[in-house]
């Protein structure tokens, strides 16, 4: 319903903004002028909360390995790539991605996350 209304408004030349959560970052397919700007407020890092995830994290720690670097960071990178991928659905799609999470420039892993993205023109302000 939300997407149909958005597309209808865009076809009529009207502005439309969709605010969504994780599900929009993973499953929305809006081509062309139906999506021209993706805004990401905060990077999504998984926290081991299932017994399997906790056991894996504990196992990695027991082997002097870092669960954040081996589980949480790759997962956050994949989610960021998926969210950014909403913008470019065809060869002619263009637009802007704005990420407000300053951890991309203040944390040691920020550059790694940015480097995992396609070759976007990145501007840090």
PDB file of N, CA and C in Angstrom:
ATOM      1  N   UNK A   1       0.817  -1.189   0.000  1.00  0.00           N
ATOM      2  CA  UNK A   1       0.000   0.000   0.000  1.00  0.00           C
ATOM      3  C   UNK A   1       0.869   1.263   0.000  1.00  0.00           C
ATOM      4  N   UNK A   2       1.873   1.304   0.853  1.00  0.00           N
ATOM      5  CA  UNK A   2       2.746   2.481   0.936  1.00  0.00           C
ATOM      6  C   UNK A   2       3.476   2.689  -0.385  1.00  0.00           C
ATOM      7  N   UNK A   3       4.039   1.606  -0.927  1.00  0.00           N
ATOM      8  CA  UNK A   3       4.803   1.725  -2.162  1.00  0.00           C
ATOM      9  C   UNK A   3       3.918   2.128  -3.340  1.00  0.00           C
ATOM     10  N   UNK A   4       2.718   1.558  -3.419  1.00  0.00           N
ATOM     11  CA  UNK A   4       1.811   1.916  -4.512  1.00  0.00           C
ATOM     12  C   UNK A   4       1.445   3.398  -4.454  1.00  0.00           C
ATOM     13  N   UNK A   5       1.170   3.887  -3.258  1.00  0.00           N
ATOM     14  CA  UNK A   5       0.818   5.306  -3.100  1.00  0.00           C
ATOM     15  C   UNK A   5       2.006   6.191  -3.484  1.00  0.00           C
ATOM     16  N   UNK A   6       3.192   5.793  -3.050  1.00  0.00           N
ATOM     17  CA  UNK A   6       4.415   6.538  -3.376  1.00  0.00           C
ATOM     18  C   UNK A   6       4.613   6.601  -4.893  1.00  0.00           C
ATOM     19  N   UNK A   7       4.524   5.463  -5.556  1.00  0.00           N
ATOM     20  CA  UNK A   7       4.725   5.404  -7.013  1.00  0.00           C
ATOM     21  C   UNK A   7       3.669   6.239  -7.731  1.00  0.00           C
ATOM     22  N   UNK A   8       2.435   6.162  -7.270  1.00  0.00           N
ATOM     23  CA  UNK A   8       1.366   6.950  -7.878  1.00  0.00           C
ATOM     24  C   UNK A   8       1.645   8.452  -7.754  1.00  0.00           C
ATOM     25  N   UNK A   9       2.066   8.888  -6.576  1.00  0.00           N
ATOM     26  CA  UNK A   9       2.391  10.306  -6.381  1.00  0.00           C
ATOM     27  C   UNK A   9       3.550  10.727  -7.279  1.00  0.00           C
ATOM     28  N   UNK A  10       4.573   9.884  -7.384  1.00  0.00           N
ATOM     29  CA  UNK A  10       5.736  10.210  -8.225  1.00  0.00           C
ATOM     30  C   UNK A  10       5.325  10.283  -9.697  1.00  0.00           C
ATOM     31  N   UNK A  11       4.448   9.403 -10.146  1.00  0.00           N
ATOM     32  CA  UNK A  11       3.979   9.423 -11.533  1.00  0.00           C
ATOM     33  C   UNK A  11       3.197  10.696 -11.836  1.00  0.00           C
ATOM     34  N   UNK A  12       2.591  11.278 -10.811  1.00  0.00           N
ATOM     35  CA  UNK A  12       1.842  12.527 -10.972  1.00  0.00           C
ATOM     36  C   UNK A  12       2.746  13.749 -10.815  1.00  0.00           C
ATOM     37  N   UNK A  13       4.060  13.495 -10.641  1.00  0.00           N
ATOM     38  CA  UNK A  13       5.014  14.591 -10.503  1.00  0.00           C
ATOM     39  C   UNK A  13       5.050  15.201  -9.115  1.00  0.00           C
ATOM     40  N   UNK A  14       4.451  14.537  -8.152  1.00  0.00           N
ATOM     41  CA  UNK A  14       4.428  15.042  -6.788  1.00  0.00           C
ATOM     42  C   UNK A  14       5.578  14.448  -5.979  1.00  0.00           C
ATOM     43  N   UNK A  15       5.945  15.148  -4.940  1.00  0.00           N
ATOM     44  CA  UNK A  15       6.972  14.643  -4.035  1.00  0.00           C
ATOM     45  C   UNK A  15       6.398  13.599  -3.104  1.00  0.00           C
ATOM     46  N   UNK A  16       7.242  12.702  -2.670  1.00  0.00           N
ATOM     47  CA  UNK A  16       6.831  11.657  -1.737  1.00  0.00           C
ATOM     48  C   UNK A  16       8.057  11.164  -0.990  1.00  0.00           C
ATOM     49  N   UNK A  17       7.908  10.949   0.293  1.00  0.00           N
ATOM     50  CA  UNK A  17       8.998  10.448   1.131  1.00  0.00           C
ATOM     51  C   UNK A  17       8.497   9.212   1.860  1.00  0.00           C
ATOM     52  N   UNK A  18       9.315   8.173   1.868  1.00  0.00           N
ATOM     53  CA  UNK A  18       8.988   6.960   2.614  1.00  0.00           C
ATOM     54  C   UNK A  18       9.992   6.832   3.749  1.00  0.00           C
ATOM     55  N   UNK A  19       9.501   6.685   4.956  1.00  0.00           N
ATOM     56  CA  UNK A  19      10.351   6.399   6.105  1.00  0.00           C
ATOM     57  C   UNK A  19      10.180   4.925   6.419  1.00  0.00           C
ATOM     58  N   UNK A  20      11.289   4.197   6.422  1.00  0.00           N
ATOM     59  CA  UNK A  20      11.189   2.766   6.652  1.00  0.00           C
ATOM     60  C   UNK A  20      12.265   2.266   7.587  1.00  0.00           C
ATOM     61  N   UNK A  21      12.089   1.057   8.032  1.00  0.00           N
ATOM     62  CA  UNK A  21      13.051   0.411   8.909  1.00  0.00           C
ATOM     63  C   UNK A  21      13.827  -0.636   8.120  1.00  0.00           C
ATOM     64  N   UNK A  22      14.352  -1.624   8.809  1.00  0.00           N
ATOM     65  CA  UNK A  22      15.209  -2.630   8.180  1.00  0.00           C
ATOM     66  C   UNK A  22      14.578  -3.293   6.962  1.00  0.00           C
ATOM     67  N   UNK A  23      13.291  -3.576   7.010  1.00  0.00           N
ATOM     68  CA  UNK A  23      12.665  -4.288   5.900  1.00  0.00           C
ATOM     69  C   UNK A  23      12.735  -3.477   4.606  1.00  0.00           C
ATOM     70  N   UNK A  24      12.710  -2.156   4.682  1.00  0.00           N
ATOM     71  CA  UNK A  24      12.832  -1.334   3.487  1.00  0.00           C
ATOM     72  C   UNK A  24      14.240  -1.397   2.915  1.00  0.00           C
ATOM     73  N   UNK A  25      15.220  -1.588   3.766  1.00  0.00           N
ATOM     74  CA  UNK A  25      16.608  -1.645   3.302  1.00  0.00           C
ATOM     75  C   UNK A  25      16.909  -2.954   2.590  1.00  0.00           C
ATOM     76  N   UNK A  26      16.088  -3.950   2.780  1.00  0.00           N
ATOM     77  CA  UNK A  26      16.389  -5.266   2.224  1.00  0.00           C
ATOM     78  C   UNK A  26      15.476  -5.690   1.090  1.00  0.00           C
ATOM     79  N   UNK A  27      14.289  -5.103   0.970  1.00  0.00           N
ATOM     80  CA  UNK A  27      13.374  -5.674   0.014  1.00  0.00           C
ATOM     81  C   UNK A  27      12.661  -4.710  -0.903  1.00  0.00           C
ATOM     82  N   UNK A  28      13.012  -3.454  -0.896  1.00  0.00           N
ATOM     83  CA  UNK A  28      12.315  -2.479  -1.723  1.00  0.00           C
ATOM     84  C   UNK A  28      13.004  -2.361  -3.076  1.00  0.00           C
ATOM     85  N   UNK A  29      12.200  -2.351  -4.136  1.00  0.00           N
ATOM     86  CA  UNK A  29      12.733  -2.243  -5.488  1.00  0.00           C
ATOM     87  C   UNK A  29      12.038  -1.085  -6.194  1.00  0.00           C
ATOM     88  N   UNK A  30      12.573   0.115  -6.032  1.00  0.00           N
ATOM     89  CA  UNK A  30      12.023   1.310  -6.663  1.00  0.00           C
ATOM     90  C   UNK A  30      13.033   1.823  -7.680  1.00  0.00           C
ATOM     91  N   UNK A  31      12.660   1.774  -8.934  1.00  0.00           N
ATOM     92  CA  UNK A  31      13.581   2.164 -10.001  1.00  0.00           C
ATOM     93  C   UNK A  31      13.395   3.627 -10.396  1.00  0.00           C
ATOM     94  N   UNK A  32      14.439   4.184 -11.009  1.00  0.00           N
ATOM     95  CA  UNK A  32      14.372   5.523 -11.590  1.00  0.00           C
ATOM     96  C   UNK A  32      14.046   6.610 -10.592  1.00  0.00           C
ATOM     97  N   UNK A  33      13.127   7.490 -10.983  1.00  0.00           N
ATOM     98  CA  UNK A  33      12.763   8.629 -10.147  1.00  0.00           C
ATOM     99  C   UNK A  33      11.925   8.249  -8.931  1.00  0.00           C
ATOM    100  N   UNK A  34      11.569   6.982  -8.803  1.00  0.00           N
ATOM    101  CA  UNK A  34      10.809   6.552  -7.627  1.00  0.00           C
ATOM    102  C   UNK A  34      11.661   6.492  -6.373  1.00  0.00           C
ATOM    103  N   UNK A  35      12.991   6.502  -6.544  1.00  0.00           N
ATOM    104  CA  UNK A  35      13.896   6.559  -5.402  1.00  0.00           C
ATOM    105  C   UNK A  35      15.139   7.326  -5.823  1.00  0.00           C
ATOM    106  N   UNK A  36      15.344   8.478  -5.213  1.00  0.00           N
ATOM    107  CA  UNK A  36      16.485   9.315  -5.577  1.00  0.00           C
ATOM    108  C   UNK A  36      17.385   9.651  -4.389  1.00  0.00           C
ATOM    109  N   UNK A  37      16.963   9.286  -3.180  1.00  0.00           N
ATOM    110  CA  UNK A  37      17.777   9.607  -2.006  1.00  0.00           C
ATOM    111  C   UNK A  37      17.514   8.571  -0.923  1.00  0.00           C
ATOM    112  N   UNK A  38      18.569   7.917  -0.483  1.00  0.00           N
ATOM    113  CA  UNK A  38      18.494   6.973   0.625  1.00  0.00           C
ATOM    114  C   UNK A  38      19.187   7.627   1.812  1.00  0.00           C
ATOM    115  N   UNK A  39      18.517   7.657   2.946  1.00  0.00           N
ATOM    116  CA  UNK A  39      19.078   8.231   4.166  1.00  0.00           C
ATOM    117  C   UNK A  39      19.220   7.110   5.184  1.00  0.00           C
ATOM    118  N   UNK A  40      20.434   6.952   5.688  1.00  0.00           N
ATOM    119  CA  UNK A  40      20.711   5.948   6.714  1.00  0.00           C
ATOM    120  C   UNK A  40      21.109   6.697   7.970  1.00  0.00           C
ATOM    121  N   UNK A  41      20.327   6.543   9.007  1.00  0.00           N
ATOM    122  CA  UNK A  41      20.570   7.286  10.237  1.00  0.00           C
ATOM    123  C   UNK A  41      21.671   6.625  11.053  1.00  0.00           C
ATOM    124  N   UNK A  42      21.608   5.306  11.175  1.00  0.00           N
ATOM    125  CA  UNK A  42      22.573   4.607  12.020  1.00  0.00           C
ATOM    126  C   UNK A  42      22.893   3.246  11.420  1.00  0.00           C
ATOM    127  N   UNK A  43      24.166   2.890  11.450  1.00  0.00           N
ATOM    128  CA  UNK A  43      24.579   1.570  10.999  1.00  0.00           C
ATOM    129  C   UNK A  43      23.992   0.515  11.928  1.00  0.00           C
ATOM    130  N   UNK A  44      23.635  -0.616  11.339  1.00  0.00           N
ATOM    131  CA  UNK A  44      22.986  -1.672  12.118  1.00  0.00           C
ATOM    132  C   UNK A  44      23.977  -2.802  12.394  1.00  0.00           C
ATOM    133  N   UNK A  45      24.385  -2.912  13.641  1.00  0.00           N
ATOM    134  CA  UNK A  45      25.285  -3.984  14.055  1.00  0.00           C
ATOM    135  C   UNK A  45      24.479  -5.032  14.798  1.00  0.00           C
ATOM    136  N   UNK A  46      24.655  -6.278  14.398  1.00  0.00           N
ATOM    137  CA  UNK A  46      23.935  -7.352  15.079  1.00  0.00           C
ATOM    138  C   UNK A  46      24.582  -7.626  16.435  1.00  0.00           C
ATOM    139  N   UNK A  47      23.748  -8.031  17.340  1.00  0.00           N
ATOM    140  CA  UNK A  47      24.198  -8.419  18.674  1.00  0.00           C
ATOM    141  C   UNK A  47      23.830  -9.883  18.843  1.00  0.00           C
ATOM    142  N   UNK A  48      24.789 -10.708  19.272  1.00  0.00           N
ATOM    143  CA  UNK A  48      24.454 -12.130  19.426  1.00  0.00           C
ATOM    144  C   UNK A  48      23.378 -12.307  20.499  1.00  0.00           C
ATOM    145  N   UNK A  49      22.177 -12.689  20.071  1.00  0.00           N
ATOM    146  CA  UNK A  49      21.106 -12.870  21.052  1.00  0.00           C
ATOM    147  C   UNK A  49      20.488 -14.265  21.003  1.00  0.00           C
ATOM    148  N   UNK A  50      20.731 -15.011  19.960  1.00  0.00           N
ATOM    149  CA  UNK A  50      20.236 -16.389  19.931  1.00  0.00           C
ATOM    150  C   UNK A  50      21.288 -17.284  20.582  1.00  0.00           C
ATOM    151  N   UNK A  51      20.883 -18.424  21.094  1.00  0.00           N
ATOM    152  CA  UNK A  51      21.864 -19.350  21.700  1.00  0.00           C
ATOM    153  C   UNK A  51      22.974 -19.746  20.727  1.00  0.00           C
ATOM    154  N   UNK A  52      22.639 -19.894  19.453  1.00  0.00           N
ATOM    155  CA  UNK A  52      23.654 -20.274  18.462  1.00  0.00           C
ATOM    156  C   UNK A  52      24.655 -19.144  18.274  1.00  0.00           C
ATOM    157  N   UNK A  53      24.158 -17.909  18.136  1.00  0.00           N
ATOM    158  CA  UNK A  53      25.053 -16.761  17.966  1.00  0.00           C
ATOM    159  C   UNK A  53      25.931 -16.556  19.191  1.00  0.00           C
ATOM    160  N   UNK A  54      25.348 -16.708  20.380  1.00  0.00           N
ATOM    161  CA  UNK A  54      26.123 -16.539  21.612  1.00  0.00           C
ATOM    162  C   UNK A  54      27.204 -17.609  21.728  1.00  0.00           C
ATOM    163  N   UNK A  55      26.844 -18.824  21.360  1.00  0.00           N
ATOM    164  CA  UNK A  55      27.818 -19.916  21.424  1.00  0.00           C
ATOM    165  C   UNK A  55      28.967 -19.673  20.450  1.00  0.00           C
ATOM    166  N   UNK A  56      28.653 -19.223  19.243  1.00  0.00           N
ATOM    167  CA  UNK A  56      29.697 -18.921  18.266  1.00  0.00           C
ATOM    168  C   UNK A  56      30.590 -17.793  18.760  1.00  0.00           C
ATOM    169  N   UNK A  57      29.999 -16.747  19.312  1.00  0.00           N
ATOM    170  CA  UNK A  57      30.788 -15.626  19.850  1.00  0.00           C
ATOM    171  C   UNK A  57      31.684 -16.106  20.986  1.00  0.00           C
ATOM    172  N   UNK A  58      31.143 -16.912  21.881  1.00  0.00           N
ATOM    173  CA  UNK A  58      31.942 -17.456  22.985  1.00  0.00           C
ATOM    174  C   UNK A  58      33.070 -18.331  22.462  1.00  0.00           C
ATOM    175  N   UNK A  59      32.794 -19.137  21.445  1.00  0.00           N
ATOM    176  CA  UNK A  59      33.820 -19.997  20.852  1.00  0.00           C
ATOM    177  C   UNK A  59      34.952 -19.161  20.262  1.00  0.00           C
ATOM    178  N   UNK A  60      34.579 -18.118  19.501  1.00  0.00           N
ATOM    179  CA  UNK A  60      35.604 -17.250  18.903  1.00  0.00           C
ATOM    180  C   UNK A  60      36.459 -16.599  19.987  1.00  0.00           C
ATOM    181  N   UNK A  61      35.816 -16.127  21.042  1.00  0.00           N
ATOM    182  CA  UNK A  61      36.571 -15.511  22.139  1.00  0.00           C
ATOM    183  C   UNK A  61      37.492 -16.524  22.807  1.00  0.00           C
ATOM    184  N   UNK A  62      37.049 -17.769  22.938  1.00  0.00           N
ATOM    185  CA  UNK A  62      37.886 -18.795  23.562  1.00  0.00           C
ATOM    186  C   UNK A  62      39.131 -19.091  22.725  1.00  0.00           C
ATOM    187  N   UNK A  63      39.059 -18.787  21.439  1.00  0.00           N
ATOM    188  CA  UNK A  63      40.192 -18.984  20.527  1.00  0.00           C
ATOM    189  C   UNK A  63      40.960 -17.674  20.307  1.00  0.00           C
ATOM    190  N   UNK A  64      40.730 -16.696  21.186  1.00  0.00           N
ATOM    191  CA  UNK A  64      41.363 -15.370  21.094  1.00  0.00           C
ATOM    192  C   UNK A  64      41.067 -14.680  19.771  1.00  0.00           C
ATOM    193  N   UNK A  65      39.846 -14.909  19.273  1.00  0.00           N
ATOM    194  CA  UNK A  65      39.395 -14.246  18.065  1.00  0.00           C
ATOM    195  C   UNK A  65      38.331 -13.228  18.449  1.00  0.00           C
ATOM    196  N   UNK A  66      38.067 -12.293  17.570  1.00  0.00           N
ATOM    197  CA  UNK A  66      37.191 -11.174  17.875  1.00  0.00           C
ATOM    198  C   UNK A  66      35.821 -11.360  17.218  1.00  0.00           C
ATOM    199  N   UNK A  67      34.773 -11.665  18.013  1.00  0.00           N
ATOM    200  CA  UNK A  67      33.436 -11.853  17.437  1.00  0.00           C
ATOM    201  C   UNK A  67      32.917 -10.606  16.718  1.00  0.00           C
ATOM    202  N   UNK A  68      33.273  -9.431  17.178  1.00  0.00           N
ATOM    203  CA  UNK A  68      32.837  -8.208  16.516  1.00  0.00           C
ATOM    204  C   UNK A  68      33.394  -8.162  15.095  1.00  0.00           C
ATOM    205  N   UNK A  69      34.685  -8.428  14.960  1.00  0.00           N
ATOM    206  CA  UNK A  69      35.328  -8.356  13.651  1.00  0.00           C
ATOM    207  C   UNK A  69      34.897  -9.494  12.730  1.00  0.00           C
ATOM    208  N   UNK A  70      34.564 -10.641  13.285  1.00  0.00           N
ATOM    209  CA  UNK A  70      34.249 -11.801  12.462  1.00  0.00           C
ATOM    210  C   UNK A  70      32.755 -12.029  12.242  1.00  0.00           C
ATOM    211  N   UNK A  71      31.912 -11.447  13.101  1.00  0.00           N
ATOM    212  CA  UNK A  71      30.470 -11.649  12.953  1.00  0.00           C
ATOM    213  C   UNK A  71      29.753 -10.310  12.734  1.00  0.00           C
ATOM    214  N   UNK A  72      29.879  -9.418  13.706  1.00  0.00           N
ATOM    215  CA  UNK A  72      29.097  -8.172  13.686  1.00  0.00           C
ATOM    216  C   UNK A  72      29.494  -7.237  12.551  1.00  0.00           C
ATOM    217  N   UNK A  73      30.789  -7.041  12.340  1.00  0.00           N
ATOM    218  CA  UNK A  73      31.239  -6.117  11.299  1.00  0.00           C
ATOM    219  C   UNK A  73      30.884  -6.602   9.888  1.00  0.00           C
ATOM    220  N   UNK A  74      31.152  -7.861   9.538  1.00  0.00           N
ATOM    221  CA  UNK A  74      30.733  -8.317   8.200  1.00  0.00           C
ATOM    222  C   UNK A  74      29.222  -8.237   8.001  1.00  0.00           C
ATOM    223  N   UNK A  75      28.458  -8.523   9.055  1.00  0.00           N
ATOM    224  CA  UNK A  75      27.010  -8.440   8.966  1.00  0.00           C
ATOM    225  C   UNK A  75      26.563  -6.993   8.751  1.00  0.00           C
ATOM    226  N   UNK A  76      27.159  -6.056   9.481  1.00  0.00           N
ATOM    227  CA  UNK A  76      26.833  -4.636   9.306  1.00  0.00           C
ATOM    228  C   UNK A  76      27.220  -4.162   7.913  1.00  0.00           C
ATOM    229  N   UNK A  77      28.335  -4.644   7.397  1.00  0.00           N
ATOM    230  CA  UNK A  77      28.774  -4.279   6.050  1.00  0.00           C
ATOM    231  C   UNK A  77      27.768  -4.755   5.013  1.00  0.00           C
ATOM    232  N   UNK A  78      27.304  -5.981   5.139  1.00  0.00           N
ATOM    233  CA  UNK A  78      26.314  -6.516   4.208  1.00  0.00           C
ATOM    234  C   UNK A  78      25.016  -5.703   4.269  1.00  0.00           C
ATOM    235  N   UNK A  79      24.574  -5.364   5.477  1.00  0.00           N
ATOM    236  CA  UNK A  79      23.348  -4.571   5.628  1.00  0.00           C
ATOM    237  C   UNK A  79      23.511  -3.180   5.022  1.00  0.00           C
ATOM    238  N   UNK A  80      24.692  -2.579   5.173  1.00  0.00           N
ATOM    239  CA  UNK A  80      24.943  -1.262   4.584  1.00  0.00           C
ATOM    240  C   UNK A  80      24.926  -1.347   3.060  1.00  0.00           C
ATOM    241  N   UNK A  81      25.560  -2.364   2.510  1.00  0.00           N
ATOM    242  CA  UNK A  81      25.580  -2.565   1.064  1.00  0.00           C
ATOM    243  C   UNK A  81      24.151  -2.754   0.541  1.00  0.00           C
ATOM    244  N   UNK A  82      23.346  -3.551   1.254  1.00  0.00           N
ATOM    245  CA  UNK A  82      21.959  -3.771   0.840  1.00  0.00           C
ATOM    246  C   UNK A  82      21.156  -2.478   0.884  1.00  0.00           C
ATOM    247  N   UNK A  83      21.323  -1.701   1.952  1.00  0.00           N
ATOM    248  CA  UNK A  83      20.581  -0.445   2.083  1.00  0.00           C
ATOM    249  C   UNK A  83      20.973   0.530   0.968  1.00  0.00           C
ATOM    250  N   UNK A  84      22.256   0.636   0.697  1.00  0.00           N
ATOM    251  CA  UNK A  84      22.718   1.521  -0.379  1.00  0.00           C
ATOM    252  C   UNK A  84      22.274   1.008  -1.742  1.00  0.00           C
ATOM    253  N   UNK A  85      22.182  -0.299  -1.867  1.00  0.00           N
ATOM    254  CA  UNK A  85      21.779  -0.911  -3.126  1.00  0.00           C
ATOM    255  C   UNK A  85      20.342  -0.627  -3.517  1.00  0.00           C
ATOM    256  N   UNK A  86      19.546  -0.135  -2.588  1.00  0.00           N
ATOM    257  CA  UNK A  86      18.163   0.230  -2.913  1.00  0.00           C
ATOM    258  C   UNK A  86      18.146   1.349  -3.945  1.00  0.00           C
ATOM    259  N   UNK A  87      19.166   2.191  -3.942  1.00  0.00           N
ATOM    260  CA  UNK A  87      19.179   3.379  -4.797  1.00  0.00           C
ATOM    261  C   UNK A  87      19.439   3.051  -6.258  1.00  0.00           C
ATOM    262  N   UNK A  88      20.355   2.149  -6.509  1.00  0.00           N
ATOM    263  CA  UNK A  88      20.753   1.847  -7.882  1.00  0.00           C
ATOM    264  C   UNK A  88      20.185   0.487  -8.273  1.00  0.00           C
ATOM    265  N   UNK A  89      19.073   0.504  -9.006  1.00  0.00           N
ATOM    266  CA  UNK A  89      18.410  -0.730  -9.411  1.00  0.00           C
ATOM    267  C   UNK A  89      18.607  -1.024 -10.895  1.00  0.00           C
ATOM    268  N   UNK A  90      18.912   0.019 -11.685  1.00  0.00           N
ATOM    269  CA  UNK A  90      19.155  -0.177 -13.119  1.00  0.00           C
ATOM    270  C   UNK A  90      20.398   0.628 -13.490  1.00  0.00           C
ATOM    271  N   UNK A  91      20.892   0.447 -14.702  1.00  0.00           N
ATOM    272  CA  UNK A  91      22.097   1.146 -15.157  1.00  0.00           C
ATOM    273  C   UNK A  91      21.911   2.652 -15.237  1.00  0.00           C
ATOM    274  N   UNK A  92      20.686   3.116 -15.356  1.00  0.00           N
ATOM    275  CA  UNK A  92      20.449   4.555 -15.513  1.00  0.00           C
ATOM    276  C   UNK A  92      20.042   5.240 -14.208  1.00  0.00           C
ATOM    277  N   UNK A  93      19.883   4.485 -13.135  1.00  0.00           N
ATOM    278  CA  UNK A  93      19.492   5.080 -11.857  1.00  0.00           C
ATOM    279  C   UNK A  93      20.624   5.927 -11.279  1.00  0.00           C
ATOM    280  N   UNK A  94      20.251   7.044 -10.685  1.00  0.00           N
ATOM    281  CA  UNK A  94      21.207   7.916 -10.000  1.00  0.00           C
ATOM    282  C   UNK A  94      20.557   8.405  -8.722  1.00  0.00           C
ATOM    283  N   UNK A  95      21.359   8.976  -7.852  1.00  0.00           N
ATOM    284  CA  UNK A  95      20.799   9.526  -6.628  1.00  0.00           C
ATOM    285  C   UNK A  95      21.865   9.783  -5.587  1.00  0.00           C
ATOM    286  N   UNK A  96      21.407  10.002  -4.394  1.00  0.00           N
ATOM    287  CA  UNK A  96      22.283  10.363  -3.289  1.00  0.00           C
ATOM    288  C   UNK A  96      22.010   9.451  -2.096  1.00  0.00           C
ATOM    289  N   UNK A  97      23.077   9.105  -1.391  1.00  0.00           N
ATOM    290  CA  UNK A  97      22.981   8.339  -0.149  1.00  0.00           C
ATOM    291  C   UNK A  97      23.578   9.214   0.943  1.00  0.00           C
ATOM    292  N   UNK A  98      22.819   9.426   2.001  1.00  0.00           N
ATOM    293  CA  UNK A  98      23.310  10.198   3.133  1.00  0.00           C
ATOM    294  C   UNK A  98      23.359   9.272   4.336  1.00  0.00           C
ATOM    295  N   UNK A  99      24.521   9.206   4.981  1.00  0.00           N
ATOM    296  CA  UNK A  99      24.684   8.378   6.177  1.00  0.00           C
ATOM    297  C   UNK A  99      25.066   9.306   7.326  1.00  0.00           C
ATOM    298  N   UNK A 100      24.237   9.350   8.351  1.00  0.00           N
ATOM    299  CA  UNK A 100      24.466  10.244   9.477  1.00  0.00           C
ATOM    300  C   UNK A 100      25.336   9.630  10.569  1.00  0.00           C
ATOM    301  N   UNK A 101      25.621   8.360  10.491  1.00  0.00           N
ATOM    302  CA  UNK A 101      26.375   7.678  11.541  1.00  0.00           C
ATOM    303  C   UNK A 101      27.860   8.061  11.445  1.00  0.00           C
ATOM    304  N   UNK A 102      28.330   8.830  12.408  1.00  0.00           N
ATOM    305  CA  UNK A 102      29.711   9.326  12.350  1.00  0.00           C
ATOM    306  C   UNK A 102      30.743   8.240  12.647  1.00  0.00           C
ATOM    307  N   UNK A 103      30.302   7.056  13.001  1.00  0.00           N
ATOM    308  CA  UNK A 103      31.261   5.969  13.231  1.00  0.00           C
ATOM    309  C   UNK A 103      32.028   5.621  11.951  1.00  0.00           C
ATOM    310  N   UNK A 104      31.466   5.990  10.795  1.00  0.00           N
ATOM    311  CA  UNK A 104      32.176   5.746   9.533  1.00  0.00           C
ATOM    312  C   UNK A 104      33.479   6.543   9.453  1.00  0.00           C
ATOM    313  N   UNK A 105      33.574   7.633  10.203  1.00  0.00           N
ATOM    314  CA  UNK A 105      34.800   8.436  10.176  1.00  0.00           C
ATOM    315  C   UNK A 105      35.517   8.472  11.524  1.00  0.00           C
ATOM    316  N   UNK A 106      34.877   7.994  12.591  1.00  0.00           N
ATOM    317  CA  UNK A 106      35.516   8.061  13.908  1.00  0.00           C
ATOM    318  C   UNK A 106      36.014   6.721  14.430  1.00  0.00           C
ATOM    319  N   UNK A 107      35.552   5.627  13.866  1.00  0.00           N
ATOM    320  CA  UNK A 107      35.955   4.301  14.340  1.00  0.00           C
ATOM    321  C   UNK A 107      36.914   3.644  13.353  1.00  0.00           C
ATOM    322  N   UNK A 108      37.727   2.771  13.851  1.00  0.00           N
ATOM    323  CA  UNK A 108      38.739   2.115  13.022  1.00  0.00           C
ATOM    324  C   UNK A 108      38.124   1.305  11.885  1.00  0.00           C
ATOM    325  N   UNK A 109      36.919   0.832  12.056  1.00  0.00           N
ATOM    326  CA  UNK A 109      36.292  -0.002  11.038  1.00  0.00           C
ATOM    327  C   UNK A 109      35.528   0.808   9.991  1.00  0.00           C
ATOM    328  N   UNK A 110      35.401   2.105  10.167  1.00  0.00           N
ATOM    329  CA  UNK A 110      34.638   2.934   9.250  1.00  0.00           C
ATOM    330  C   UNK A 110      35.139   2.873   7.818  1.00  0.00           C
ATOM    331  N   UNK A 111      36.458   2.976   7.653  1.00  0.00           N
ATOM    332  CA  UNK A 111      37.037   2.937   6.309  1.00  0.00           C
ATOM    333  C   UNK A 111      36.783   1.583   5.646  1.00  0.00           C
ATOM    334  N   UNK A 112      36.826   0.526   6.433  1.00  0.00           N
ATOM    335  CA  UNK A 112      36.567  -0.815   5.906  1.00  0.00           C
ATOM    336  C   UNK A 112      35.129  -0.902   5.381  1.00  0.00           C
ATOM    337  N   UNK A 113      34.173  -0.330   6.108  1.00  0.00           N
ATOM    338  CA  UNK A 113      32.781  -0.344   5.665  1.00  0.00           C
ATOM    339  C   UNK A 113      32.604   0.464   4.383  1.00  0.00           C
ATOM    340  N   UNK A 114      33.227   1.634   4.321  1.00  0.00           N
ATOM    341  CA  UNK A 114      33.127   2.466   3.119  1.00  0.00           C
ATOM    342  C   UNK A 114      33.775   1.797   1.919  1.00  0.00           C
ATOM    343  N   UNK A 115      34.903   1.135   2.134  1.00  0.00           N
ATOM    344  CA  UNK A 115      35.607   0.464   1.036  1.00  0.00           C
ATOM    345  C   UNK A 115      34.831  -0.727   0.487  1.00  0.00           C
ATOM    346  N   UNK A 116      33.919  -1.273   1.284  1.00  0.00           N
ATOM    347  CA  UNK A 116      33.125  -2.421   0.830  1.00  0.00           C
ATOM    348  C   UNK A 116      31.997  -1.992  -0.106  1.00  0.00           C
ATOM    349  N   UNK A 117      31.682  -0.695  -0.114  1.00  0.00           N
ATOM    350  CA  UNK A 117      30.624  -0.192  -0.995  1.00  0.00           C
ATOM    351  C   UNK A 117      31.128  -0.124  -2.429  1.00  0.00           C
ATOM    352  N   UNK A 118      30.204  -0.129  -3.388  1.00  0.00           N
ATOM    353  CA  UNK A 118      30.631   0.090  -4.780  1.00  0.00           C
ATOM    354  C   UNK A 118      31.351   1.435  -4.898  1.00  0.00           C
ATOM    355  N   UNK A 119      31.939   1.700  -6.024  1.00  0.00           N
ATOM    356  CA  UNK A 119      32.760   2.908  -6.185  1.00  0.00           C
ATOM    357  C   UNK A 119      31.889   4.160  -6.306  1.00  0.00           C
ATOM    358  N   UNK A 120      31.249   4.500  -5.201  1.00  0.00           N
ATOM    359  CA  UNK A 120      30.464   5.735  -5.141  1.00  0.00           C
ATOM    360  C   UNK A 120      31.400   6.920  -4.975  1.00  0.00           C
ATOM    361  N   UNK A 121      30.943   8.079  -5.359  1.00  0.00           N
ATOM    362  CA  UNK A 121      31.659   9.319  -5.067  1.00  0.00           C
ATOM    363  C   UNK A 121      31.329   9.680  -3.622  1.00  0.00           C
ATOM    364  N   UNK A 122      32.276   9.481  -2.721  1.00  0.00           N
ATOM    365  CA  UNK A 122      32.029   9.676  -1.295  1.00  0.00           C
ATOM    366  C   UNK A 122      32.509  11.068  -0.877  1.00  0.00           C
ATOM    367  N   UNK A 123      31.610  11.797  -0.224  1.00  0.00           N
ATOM    368  CA  UNK A 123      31.921  13.120   0.308  1.00  0.00           C
ATOM    369  C   UNK A 123      31.677  13.070   1.810  1.00  0.00           C
ATOM    370  N   UNK A 124      32.685  13.408   2.598  1.00  0.00           N
ATOM    371  CA  UNK A 124      32.557  13.399   4.048  1.00  0.00           C
ATOM    372  C   UNK A 124      32.507  14.833   4.533  1.00  0.00           C
ATOM    373  N   UNK A 125      31.427  15.173   5.209  1.00  0.00           N
ATOM    374  CA  UNK A 125      31.265  16.538   5.724  1.00  0.00           C
ATOM    375  C   UNK A 125      31.131  16.509   7.225  1.00  0.00           C
TER     376      UNK A 125
END
